[in-house]
Amino acid sequence: MTVSQDSSAWVKAMPAVFVLIWSTGFIVARFGMPYAPPFSFLLWRYFFSILCFLAWIWLAKVAWPRNRTQWLHLAVTGVFMHAGYLGGVWAAVKAGMGSGLSSLIVGIQPVLTAIWLSTMARSQGQPSVTRRQWLGLLLGFAGLVMVVSRKFTQGTPLDHVTPGNLAWAVAALLAITTGTLYQKRFVQPCDVRTANTVQLLAAAAVTLPLAWLEPETTHWNGQLAGAMAWSVLGLTLGGSSLLYILIQRGAAATVASLMYLVPPTTAMIAWLLFDESITALTLLGTAITALGVSLVVRPAAPKP
């Protein structure tokens, strides 16, 4: 196999690798939650990740973005896609939401992305949301309600829904959706290492006061250290870098559609590790949600 074939194979494998890595983020949250408050953990994660990226940048002699505008756009993206998204997910899990459900809620991102892109297309005189897409939105919402409703009445202390943790999860959903669209629209292609570093610096600045206000202290042990190591090396250096590359390479809606695969992958891992229940209603609700979102993003049939 030639170098070009190796490169082509890696490019084709990137979406699958991203889904696997991204799904573990919800699992890591469960591992780290007993020993650290969410924003303090994330602040440490940003700090260690920045150090790793700076060392990588120095060794590779990578150029930084050349103008202040790109620094600003990268910083805004970092606030949404790191501080907003991760903060919302970790706060939701800390407040008792299960890993599978939190990933399912955030997995609605493709629907919101499709709505926004369709709205923008309509403003430019192009076709907007179709009846099929509206049907998909209703089905997706119905499926989510089926999953969430069971956890309101039958959830365990580590896998239940409250207005508080649901609000955090929805905030994470809005943040990752906004960040994806913003990056695709405003961020010009640049080295993924310097781009991630700028984003993490902005995320750390926003997270610092939130971590400072947390009454709970961090208790370092082997489990927390392991969760931190994977968060830095696997999720930030690996997953976030892959997400940045995928957004730069493809359309926002196409990249967002990868999020459909995250909830079932997370649910299976959570079932294996934490014994989080997967009932018939959960499977049915997930299937209906998947059907709904597929109707939203499926391209319209070409006119004869």
Protein backbone atom coordinates (compact mmCIF):
# COMPACT_ATOMS: atom_id res chain seq x y z
CA MET A 1 0.00 0.00 0.00
CA THR A 2 1.39 3.40 -0.99
CA VAL A 3 1.54 6.49 1.17
CA SER A 4 -1.35 8.03 -0.76
CA GLN A 5 -3.43 4.87 -0.23
CA ASP A 6 -2.61 4.97 3.49
CA SER A 7 -3.75 8.59 3.60
CA SER A 8 -6.94 7.81 1.69
CA ALA A 9 -7.75 4.90 4.00
CA TRP A 10 -7.22 7.13 7.05
CA VAL A 11 -9.49 9.85 5.64
CA LYS A 12 -12.24 7.28 5.05
CA ALA A 13 -11.81 5.90 8.58
CA MET A 14 -11.88 9.31 10.26
CA PRO A 15 -15.70 9.47 10.74
CA ALA A 16 -15.83 6.02 12.39
CA VAL A 17 -12.85 6.78 14.62
CA PHE A 18 -14.43 10.10 15.59
CA VAL A 19 -17.73 8.45 16.58
CA LEU A 20 -15.96 5.87 18.75
CA ILE A 21 -13.83 8.49 20.50
CA TRP A 22 -16.68 11.00 20.89
CA SER A 23 -18.96 8.36 22.43
CA THR A 24 -16.47 7.72 25.22
CA GLY A 25 -16.76 11.34 26.36
CA PHE A 26 -20.07 10.60 28.07
CA ILE A 27 -18.57 7.50 29.68
CA VAL A 28 -15.55 9.41 30.99
CA ALA A 29 -17.94 11.86 32.61
CA ARG A 30 -19.43 9.01 34.64
CA PHE A 31 -15.96 7.82 35.70
CA GLY A 32 -14.81 11.27 36.81
CA MET A 33 -18.00 12.59 38.41
CA PRO A 34 -17.68 10.93 41.85
CA TYR A 35 -14.34 12.64 42.48
CA ALA A 36 -14.50 16.08 40.88
CA PRO A 37 -17.05 18.82 40.22
CA PRO A 38 -17.71 19.28 36.50
CA PHE A 39 -16.19 22.68 35.80
CA SER A 40 -13.09 22.05 37.91
CA PHE A 41 -12.47 18.82 36.03
CA LEU A 42 -12.89 20.58 32.70
CA LEU A 43 -10.58 23.41 33.74
CA TRP A 44 -7.83 20.88 34.53
CA ARG A 45 -8.59 19.14 31.23
CA TYR A 46 -8.17 22.40 29.29
CA PHE A 47 -4.96 23.21 31.15
CA PHE A 48 -3.28 19.85 30.45
CA SER A 49 -4.55 19.86 26.85
CA ILE A 50 -3.10 23.33 26.24
CA LEU A 51 0.27 22.19 27.57
CA CYS A 52 0.24 19.17 25.26
CA PHE A 53 -0.72 21.24 22.24
CA LEU A 54 1.93 23.89 23.01
CA ALA A 55 4.61 21.22 23.17
CA TRP A 56 3.35 19.70 19.92
CA ILE A 57 3.26 23.12 18.23
CA TRP A 58 6.79 23.92 19.39
CA LEU A 59 8.21 20.59 18.19
CA ALA A 60 6.45 20.80 14.82
CA LYS A 61 7.13 24.55 14.44
CA VAL A 62 3.51 25.16 13.45
CA ALA A 63 2.36 28.65 12.42
CA TRP A 64 -0.32 30.42 14.45
CA PRO A 65 -3.32 32.19 12.86
CA ARG A 66 -2.11 35.38 11.21
CA ASN A 67 -4.79 37.91 12.07
CA ARG A 68 -6.83 38.95 15.08
CA THR A 69 -10.12 38.21 13.34
CA GLN A 70 -9.30 34.51 13.07
CA TRP A 71 -8.18 34.45 16.71
CA LEU A 72 -11.55 35.94 17.64
CA HIS A 73 -13.52 33.45 15.53
CA LEU A 74 -11.57 30.54 16.99
CA ALA A 75 -12.13 31.87 20.51
CA VAL A 76 -15.89 32.13 19.95
CA THR A 77 -15.93 28.60 18.58
CA GLY A 78 -14.01 27.39 21.61
CA VAL A 79 -16.49 28.94 24.01
CA PHE A 80 -19.36 27.13 22.30
CA MET A 81 -17.76 23.78 21.42
CA HIS A 82 -15.65 23.31 24.55
CA ALA A 83 -16.93 25.43 27.44
CA GLY A 84 -20.62 25.36 26.44
CA TYR A 85 -20.91 21.84 25.11
CA LEU A 86 -18.64 20.03 27.56
CA GLY A 87 -19.80 22.13 30.50
CA GLY A 88 -23.43 21.31 29.77
CA VAL A 89 -22.81 17.57 29.35
CA TRP A 90 -20.66 17.26 32.47
CA ALA A 91 -23.05 19.30 34.58
CA ALA A 92 -25.97 17.15 33.37
CA VAL A 93 -24.18 13.90 34.20
CA LYS A 94 -23.08 15.26 37.57
CA ALA A 95 -26.73 16.09 38.31
CA GLY A 96 -27.74 12.47 37.70
CA MET A 97 -28.44 12.12 33.99
CA GLY A 98 -27.24 8.84 32.51
CA SER A 99 -24.55 8.70 29.83
CA GLY A 100 -26.86 7.20 27.22
CA LEU A 101 -29.61 9.77 27.67
CA SER A 102 -27.24 12.75 27.69
CA SER A 103 -25.72 11.55 24.42
CA LEU A 104 -29.20 11.06 22.95
CA ILE A 105 -30.26 14.62 23.74
CA VAL A 106 -27.06 16.07 22.29
CA GLY A 107 -27.60 13.75 19.31
CA ILE A 108 -30.52 15.93 18.23
CA GLN A 109 -27.88 18.35 16.92
CA PRO A 110 -28.35 17.29 13.26
CA VAL A 111 -32.00 18.32 13.42
CA LEU A 112 -31.16 21.81 14.66
CA THR A 113 -28.36 22.07 12.10
CA ALA A 114 -30.74 21.10 9.29
CA ILE A 115 -33.33 23.64 10.44
CA TRP A 116 -30.79 26.44 10.49
CA LEU A 117 -29.32 25.54 7.11
CA SER A 118 -32.81 25.28 5.64
CA THR A 119 -33.77 28.66 7.10
CA MET A 120 -30.67 30.24 5.63
CA ALA A 121 -31.43 28.65 2.27
CA ARG A 122 -34.96 30.08 2.33
CA SER A 123 -33.59 33.56 3.04
CA GLN A 124 -31.54 33.18 -0.13
CA GLY A 125 -34.53 32.14 -2.20
CA GLN A 126 -33.83 28.40 -2.01
CA PRO A 127 -36.20 25.65 -0.74
CA SER A 128 -36.75 25.70 3.05
CA VAL A 129 -38.04 23.04 5.47
CA THR A 130 -40.26 20.56 3.65
CA ARG A 131 -43.28 18.64 4.96
CA ARG A 132 -41.13 15.52 5.15
CA GLN A 133 -38.62 17.34 7.32
CA TRP A 134 -41.33 18.66 9.63
CA LEU A 135 -42.61 15.08 9.98
CA GLY A 136 -39.08 14.04 10.86
CA LEU A 137 -38.82 16.74 13.50
CA LEU A 138 -42.07 15.60 15.13
CA LEU A 139 -41.00 11.96 15.09
CA GLY A 140 -37.60 12.82 16.54
CA PHE A 141 -39.19 14.79 19.35
CA ALA A 142 -41.72 12.01 20.03
CA GLY A 143 -38.94 9.43 20.28
CA LEU A 144 -36.99 11.59 22.69
CA VAL A 145 -40.06 12.06 24.88
CA MET A 146 -40.53 8.27 25.00
CA VAL A 147 -37.01 7.81 26.34
CA VAL A 148 -37.08 10.75 28.75
CA SER A 149 -40.53 10.01 30.20
CA ARG A 150 -39.45 6.63 31.59
CA LYS A 151 -36.54 8.18 33.45
CA PHE A 152 -38.73 10.77 35.13
CA THR A 153 -40.55 7.98 36.97
CA GLN A 154 -38.19 4.97 36.94
CA GLY A 155 -34.71 6.44 36.85
CA THR A 156 -32.00 5.53 39.33
CA PRO A 157 -29.95 8.09 41.30
CA LEU A 158 -27.28 7.91 38.57
CA ASP A 159 -29.66 7.70 35.63
CA HIS A 160 -32.69 9.96 35.96
CA VAL A 161 -34.09 13.20 34.57
CA THR A 162 -34.75 16.42 36.44
CA PRO A 163 -35.53 19.88 35.09
CA GLY A 164 -32.03 20.94 36.11
CA ASN A 165 -29.98 18.25 34.36
CA LEU A 166 -32.29 18.38 31.34
CA ALA A 167 -31.62 22.12 31.06
CA TRP A 168 -27.85 21.48 31.15
CA ALA A 169 -28.12 18.85 28.43
CA VAL A 170 -30.21 21.12 26.20
CA ALA A 171 -27.68 23.93 26.74
CA ALA A 172 -24.93 21.54 25.58
CA LEU A 173 -27.01 20.69 22.51
CA LEU A 174 -27.47 24.35 21.58
CA ALA A 175 -23.77 25.06 22.19
CA ILE A 176 -22.41 22.27 19.97
CA THR A 177 -24.89 23.15 17.23
CA THR A 178 -24.00 26.85 17.31
CA GLY A 179 -20.29 26.12 17.49
CA THR A 180 -20.38 23.76 14.50
CA LEU A 181 -22.26 26.24 12.33
CA TYR A 182 -20.13 29.16 13.46
CA GLN A 183 -16.86 27.34 12.75
CA LYS A 184 -17.99 26.27 9.29
CA ARG A 185 -19.11 29.82 8.48
CA PHE A 186 -16.33 31.97 9.92
CA VAL A 187 -13.20 29.95 10.71
CA GLN A 188 -10.74 29.78 7.85
CA PRO A 189 -8.65 26.61 7.44
CA CYS A 190 -5.58 26.64 9.67
CA ASP A 191 -3.49 24.12 11.57
CA VAL A 192 -5.66 22.02 13.86
CA ARG A 193 -3.13 22.22 16.72
CA THR A 194 -2.99 26.00 16.92
CA ALA A 195 -6.74 26.25 16.29
CA ASN A 196 -7.51 23.90 19.18
CA THR A 197 -5.11 25.75 21.47
CA VAL A 198 -6.84 29.09 20.85
CA GLN A 199 -10.23 27.45 21.39
CA LEU A 200 -9.10 25.85 24.65
CA LEU A 201 -7.65 29.10 25.96
CA ALA A 202 -11.03 30.79 25.42
CA ALA A 203 -12.88 27.86 27.00
CA ALA A 204 -10.58 27.95 30.04
CA ALA A 205 -11.17 31.68 30.50
CA VAL A 206 -14.94 31.12 30.57
CA THR A 207 -14.74 28.02 32.78
CA LEU A 208 -12.37 29.46 35.39
CA PRO A 209 -14.93 31.57 37.31
CA LEU A 210 -17.46 28.73 37.21
CA ALA A 211 -14.90 26.32 38.66
CA TRP A 212 -13.95 28.87 41.30
CA LEU A 213 -17.56 29.03 42.53
CA GLU A 214 -17.96 25.24 42.90
CA PRO A 215 -18.13 24.25 46.59
CA GLU A 216 -16.99 20.67 45.97
CA THR A 217 -13.27 19.89 45.95
CA THR A 218 -11.36 17.62 43.58
CA HIS A 219 -10.14 14.30 45.05
CA TRP A 220 -7.34 12.90 42.91
CA ASN A 221 -7.04 9.12 42.66
CA GLY A 222 -6.29 6.50 40.02
CA GLN A 223 -9.78 6.52 38.51
CA LEU A 224 -9.92 10.30 38.20
CA ALA A 225 -6.37 10.41 36.80
CA GLY A 226 -7.31 7.82 34.20
CA ALA A 227 -10.43 9.75 33.23
CA MET A 228 -8.35 12.91 32.96
CA ALA A 229 -5.68 11.23 30.84
CA TRP A 230 -8.21 9.91 28.34
CA SER A 231 -10.05 13.24 28.31
CA VAL A 232 -6.84 15.04 27.37
CA LEU A 233 -5.16 12.56 25.04
CA GLY A 234 -8.14 10.79 23.52
CA LEU A 235 -10.98 13.29 23.56
CA THR A 236 -9.29 16.69 23.22
CA LEU A 237 -6.14 15.90 21.24
CA GLY A 238 -7.90 13.15 19.30
CA GLY A 239 -11.67 13.70 19.17
CA SER A 240 -11.75 17.50 19.08
CA SER A 241 -9.00 17.59 16.46
CA LEU A 242 -10.90 15.11 14.29
CA LEU A 243 -14.09 17.15 14.65
CA TYR A 244 -12.25 20.31 13.57
CA ILE A 245 -10.80 18.53 10.53
CA LEU A 246 -14.15 16.98 9.57
CA ILE A 247 -15.95 20.34 9.76
CA GLN A 248 -13.29 21.95 7.58
CA ARG A 249 -13.47 19.12 5.04
CA GLY A 250 -17.24 18.67 4.75
CA ALA A 251 -20.62 20.37 4.96
CA ALA A 252 -21.93 21.18 8.42
CA ALA A 253 -25.03 19.00 8.01
CA THR A 254 -22.93 16.03 6.89
CA VAL A 255 -20.60 16.32 9.86
CA ALA A 256 -23.50 16.79 12.25
CA SER A 257 -25.11 13.60 10.96
CA LEU A 258 -22.28 11.63 12.58
CA MET A 259 -23.84 12.54 15.92
CA TYR A 260 -26.67 10.12 15.10
CA LEU A 261 -24.26 7.26 15.73
CA VAL A 262 -23.07 8.54 19.10
CA PRO A 263 -26.16 7.77 21.27
CA PRO A 264 -26.43 4.05 20.40
CA THR A 265 -22.65 3.63 20.73
CA THR A 266 -22.67 5.39 24.10
CA ALA A 267 -25.71 3.41 25.26
CA MET A 268 -23.99 0.12 24.51
CA ILE A 269 -20.79 1.15 26.31
CA ALA A 270 -22.80 2.46 29.29
CA TRP A 271 -24.78 -0.78 29.41
CA LEU A 272 -21.56 -2.80 29.49
CA LEU A 273 -19.75 -0.63 32.06
CA PHE A 274 -22.50 0.84 34.26
CA ASP A 275 -25.43 -1.51 33.66
CA GLU A 276 -27.56 1.43 32.46
CA SER A 277 -30.83 -0.13 31.38
CA ILE A 278 -31.78 -0.56 27.74
CA THR A 279 -35.51 -1.35 27.70
CA ALA A 280 -37.86 -1.98 24.82
CA LEU A 281 -39.23 1.56 25.22
CA THR A 282 -35.69 2.96 25.06
CA LEU A 283 -34.96 1.04 21.87
CA LEU A 284 -38.28 2.04 20.33
CA GLY A 285 -37.79 5.70 21.23
CA THR A 286 -34.26 5.65 19.85
CA ALA A 287 -35.47 4.03 16.62
CA ILE A 288 -38.22 6.62 16.19
CA THR A 289 -35.73 9.42 16.82
CA ALA A 290 -33.35 7.92 14.26
CA LEU A 291 -36.18 7.69 11.74
CA GLY A 292 -37.17 11.27 12.40
CA VAL A 293 -33.71 12.72 11.98
CA SER A 294 -33.14 10.65 8.84
CA LEU A 295 -36.22 12.27 7.31
CA VAL A 296 -34.82 15.69 8.18
CA VAL A 297 -31.42 15.28 6.56
CA ARG A 298 -32.24 12.96 3.68
CA PRO A 299 -31.78 14.88 0.45
CA ALA A 300 -34.85 15.53 -1.61
CA ALA A 301 -35.36 13.33 -4.65
CA PRO A 302 -34.32 15.04 -7.87
CA LYS A 303 -37.16 16.32 -9.97
CA PRO A 304 -37.66 14.51 -13.29
